C-alpha atoms as a PDB file:
ATOM      1  CA  UNK A   1       2.363  -7.939  13.878  1.00  0.00           C
ATOM      2  CA  UNK A   2       0.923  -6.960   9.918  1.00  0.00           C
ATOM      3  CA  UNK A   3      -2.415  -8.917   8.691  1.00  0.00           C
ATOM      4  CA  UNK A   4      -2.986  -8.480   5.152  1.00  0.00           C
ATOM      5  CA  UNK A   5      -6.501  -9.116   3.284  1.00  0.00           C
ATOM      6  CA  UNK A   6      -6.940  -8.968  -0.082  1.00  0.00           C
ATOM      7  CA  UNK A   7     -10.190  -7.643  -1.584  1.00  0.00           C
ATOM      8  CA  UNK A   8     -11.582  -6.952  -5.269  1.00  0.00           C
ATOM      9  CA  UNK A   9     -13.152  -3.633  -6.237  1.00  0.00           C
ATOM     10  CA  UNK A  10     -14.484  -3.483  -9.784  1.00  0.00           C
ATOM     11  CA  UNK A  11     -13.759  -3.494 -12.241  1.00  0.00           C
ATOM     12  CA  UNK A  12     -10.125  -4.339 -11.723  1.00  0.00           C
ATOM     13  CA  UNK A  13      -8.645  -2.783  -8.604  1.00  0.00           C
ATOM     14  CA  UNK A  14      -7.261  -4.897  -5.802  1.00  0.00           C
ATOM     15  CA  UNK A  15      -7.122  -3.506  -2.250  1.00  0.00           C
ATOM     16  CA  UNK A  16      -4.561  -5.096  -0.012  1.00  0.00           C
ATOM     17  CA  UNK A  17      -6.293  -4.205   3.669  1.00  0.00           C
ATOM     18  CA  UNK A  18      -3.364  -3.800   5.845  1.00  0.00           C
ATOM     19  CA  UNK A  19      -3.889  -4.003  10.089  1.00  0.00           C
ATOM     20  CA  UNK A  20      -1.394  -3.726  12.547  1.00  0.00           C
ATOM     21  CA  UNK A  21       2.121  -2.351  12.428  1.00  0.00           C
ATOM     22  CA  UNK A  22       4.321  -2.080   9.022  1.00  0.00           C
ATOM     23  CA  UNK A  23       7.654  -2.286  11.024  1.00  0.00           C
ATOM     24  CA  UNK A  24      10.670  -4.783  10.515  1.00  0.00           C
ATOM     25  CA  UNK A  25       9.831  -8.380  10.509  1.00  0.00           C
ATOM     26  CA  UNK A  26       8.552 -11.167   8.422  1.00  0.00           C
ATOM     27  CA  UNK A  27       5.116  -9.813   8.262  1.00  0.00           C
ATOM     28  CA  UNK A  28       6.235  -6.648   6.119  1.00  0.00           C
ATOM     29  CA  UNK A  29       8.051  -9.470   3.642  1.00  0.00           C
ATOM     30  CA  UNK A  30       4.592 -10.975   3.054  1.00  0.00           C
ATOM     31  CA  UNK A  31       3.350  -7.722   1.961  1.00  0.00           C
ATOM     32  CA  UNK A  32       6.272  -7.643  -0.557  1.00  0.00           C
ATOM     33  CA  UNK A  33       5.373 -11.045  -1.575  1.00  0.00           C
ATOM     34  CA  UNK A  34       1.495 -10.091  -2.100  1.00  0.00           C
ATOM     35  CA  UNK A  35       2.467  -7.420  -4.307  1.00  0.00           C
ATOM     36  CA  UNK A  36       4.915  -9.933  -6.476  1.00  0.00           C
ATOM     37  CA  UNK A  37       2.020 -12.177  -6.583  1.00  0.00           C
ATOM     38  CA  UNK A  38      -0.384  -9.361  -7.776  1.00  0.00           C
ATOM     39  CA  UNK A  39       2.100  -8.266 -10.301  1.00  0.00           C
ATOM     40  CA  UNK A  40       2.850 -11.744 -11.766  1.00  0.00           C
ATOM     41  CA  UNK A  41      -1.004 -12.029 -12.385  1.00  0.00           C
ATOM     42  CA  UNK A  42      -1.170  -9.063 -14.429  1.00  0.00           C
ATOM     43  CA  UNK A  43      -3.063  -6.803 -11.721  1.00  0.00           C
ATOM     44  CA  UNK A  44      -2.116  -3.351 -12.265  1.00  0.00           C
ATOM     45  CA  UNK A  45      -4.360  -1.413 -10.088  1.00  0.00           C
ATOM     46  CA  UNK A  46      -3.266  -1.724  -6.307  1.00  0.00           C
ATOM     47  CA  UNK A  47      -4.510   0.234  -3.107  1.00  0.00           C
ATOM     48  CA  UNK A  48      -2.715  -0.140  -0.016  1.00  0.00           C
ATOM     49  CA  UNK A  49      -5.778   0.495   2.789  1.00  0.00           C
ATOM     50  CA  UNK A  50      -3.320   1.545   5.647  1.00  0.00           C
ATOM     51  CA  UNK A  51      -6.397   2.725   7.945  1.00  0.00           C
ATOM     52  CA  UNK A  52      -5.739   0.032  10.185  1.00  0.00           C
ATOM     53  CA  UNK A  53      -2.120   0.442  10.550  1.00  0.00           C
ATOM     54  CA  UNK A  54      -1.009   1.675  13.876  1.00  0.00           C
ATOM     55  CA  UNK A  55       2.807   2.292  13.326  1.00  0.00           C
ATOM     56  CA  UNK A  56       5.240   2.420  10.226  1.00  0.00           C
ATOM     57  CA  UNK A  57       8.969   2.500  10.483  1.00  0.00           C
ATOM     58  CA  UNK A  58      11.701   2.728   7.686  1.00  0.00           C
ATOM     59  CA  UNK A  59      10.918  -1.012   6.875  1.00  0.00           C
ATOM     60  CA  UNK A  60       7.553  -0.053   6.185  1.00  0.00           C
ATOM     61  CA  UNK A  61       8.233   2.752   4.020  1.00  0.00           C
ATOM     62  CA  UNK A  62      10.640   0.748   1.918  1.00  0.00           C
ATOM     63  CA  UNK A  63       8.241  -1.690   1.500  1.00  0.00           C
ATOM     64  CA  UNK A  64       5.850   0.933   0.232  1.00  0.00           C
ATOM     65  CA  UNK A  65       8.160   2.528  -2.129  1.00  0.00           C
ATOM     66  CA  UNK A  66       9.552  -1.055  -3.701  1.00  0.00           C
ATOM     67  CA  UNK A  67       6.084  -1.872  -4.186  1.00  0.00           C
ATOM     68  CA  UNK A  68       5.033   1.157  -6.021  1.00  0.00           C
ATOM     69  CA  UNK A  69       8.193   1.104  -8.056  1.00  0.00           C
ATOM     70  CA  UNK A  70       7.509  -2.955  -8.814  1.00  0.00           C
ATOM     71  CA  UNK A  71       3.681  -2.012  -9.796  1.00  0.00           C
ATOM     72  CA  UNK A  72       4.952   0.805 -11.939  1.00  0.00           C
ATOM     73  CA  UNK A  73       7.427  -1.061 -13.738  1.00  0.00           C
ATOM     74  CA  UNK A  74       4.645  -3.496 -14.512  1.00  0.00           C
ATOM     75  CA  UNK A  75       2.467  -0.601 -16.186  1.00  0.00           C
ATOM     76  CA  UNK A  76       0.369   0.070 -13.387  1.00  0.00           C
ATOM     77  CA  UNK A  77       0.015   2.216 -10.197  1.00  0.00           C
ATOM     78  CA  UNK A  78      -0.077   1.839  -6.310  1.00  0.00           C
ATOM     79  CA  UNK A  79      -1.955   4.093  -4.297  1.00  0.00           C
ATOM     80  CA  UNK A  80      -2.367   4.449  -0.345  1.00  0.00           C
ATOM     81  CA  UNK A  81      -5.552   5.162   1.232  1.00  0.00           C
ATOM     82  CA  UNK A  82      -6.742   5.844   4.983  1.00  0.00           C
ATOM     83  CA  UNK A  83      -3.211   6.689   6.601  1.00  0.00           C
ATOM     84  CA  UNK A  84      -4.024   8.479  10.022  1.00  0.00           C
ATOM     85  CA  UNK A  85      -2.083   9.599  13.124  1.00  0.00           C
ATOM     86  CA  UNK A  86       1.405   8.484  12.901  1.00  0.00           C
ATOM     87  CA  UNK A  87       1.328   6.489  10.148  1.00  0.00           C
ATOM     88  CA  UNK A  88       0.187   9.863   7.928  1.00  0.00           C
ATOM     89  CA  UNK A  89       2.767  11.757   9.668  1.00  0.00           C
ATOM     90  CA  UNK A  90       5.570   9.470   9.019  1.00  0.00           C
ATOM     91  CA  UNK A  91       4.503   9.261   5.373  1.00  0.00           C
ATOM     92  CA  UNK A  92       4.240  13.230   4.751  1.00  0.00           C
ATOM     93  CA  UNK A  93       7.604  13.618   6.849  1.00  0.00           C
ATOM     94  CA  UNK A  94       9.503  11.299   4.470  1.00  0.00           C
ATOM     95  CA  UNK A  95       7.883  12.767   1.605  1.00  0.00           C
ATOM     96  CA  UNK A  96       6.253   9.623   0.470  1.00  0.00           C
ATOM     97  CA  UNK A  97       3.181  11.765  -0.640  1.00  0.00           C
ATOM     98  CA  UNK A  98       5.271  13.272  -3.874  1.00  0.00           C
ATOM     99  CA  UNK A  99       5.813   9.844  -4.932  1.00  0.00           C
ATOM    100  CA  UNK A 100       2.858   7.737  -4.374  1.00  0.00           C
ATOM    101  CA  UNK A 101      -0.533   9.287  -4.177  1.00  0.00           C
ATOM    102  CA  UNK A 102      -2.159   9.522  -0.620  1.00  0.00           C
ATOM    103  CA  UNK A 103      -5.882   9.412  -0.429  1.00  0.00           C
ATOM    104  CA  UNK A 104      -8.085   9.621   2.688  1.00  0.00           C
ATOM    105  CA  UNK A 105     -10.075   6.389   1.812  1.00  0.00           C
ATOM    106  CA  UNK A 106     -10.053   3.674  -0.011  1.00  0.00           C
ATOM    107  CA  UNK A 107     -13.058   4.963  -2.348  1.00  0.00           C
ATOM    108  CA  UNK A 108     -11.287   8.261  -2.943  1.00  0.00           C
ATOM    109  CA  UNK A 109      -8.227   6.299  -4.077  1.00  0.00           C
ATOM    110  CA  UNK A 110     -10.299   4.076  -6.782  1.00  0.00           C
ATOM    111  CA  UNK A 111     -11.926   7.238  -8.292  1.00  0.00           C
ATOM    112  CA  UNK A 112     -10.597   7.794 -11.500  1.00  0.00           C
ATOM    113  CA  UNK A 113      -8.070   5.052 -11.157  1.00  0.00           C
END
């Protein structure tokens, strides 16, 4: 199960704190809807805090890529922070780091946004 909490970082960055599994299922769809809502509100700086994510599969990778593209089309940028273990390995193995900026922490992702 994937839990999503939205947090605000000053001045205009939204952090979606993710906890659990980014795998096939309704919860990943909720992440997609959350990004849709942010873009609809004109939010252009988004960070996925994945420090609490324990597992990611192709569905999770797809959601990350689609979300990044959606934010980019709106004139913004999506960054991923805090990936460790299996999640970091999968992101690197699938070359996501060549498309989306990966950062060790939310603070590092927010720097120079």
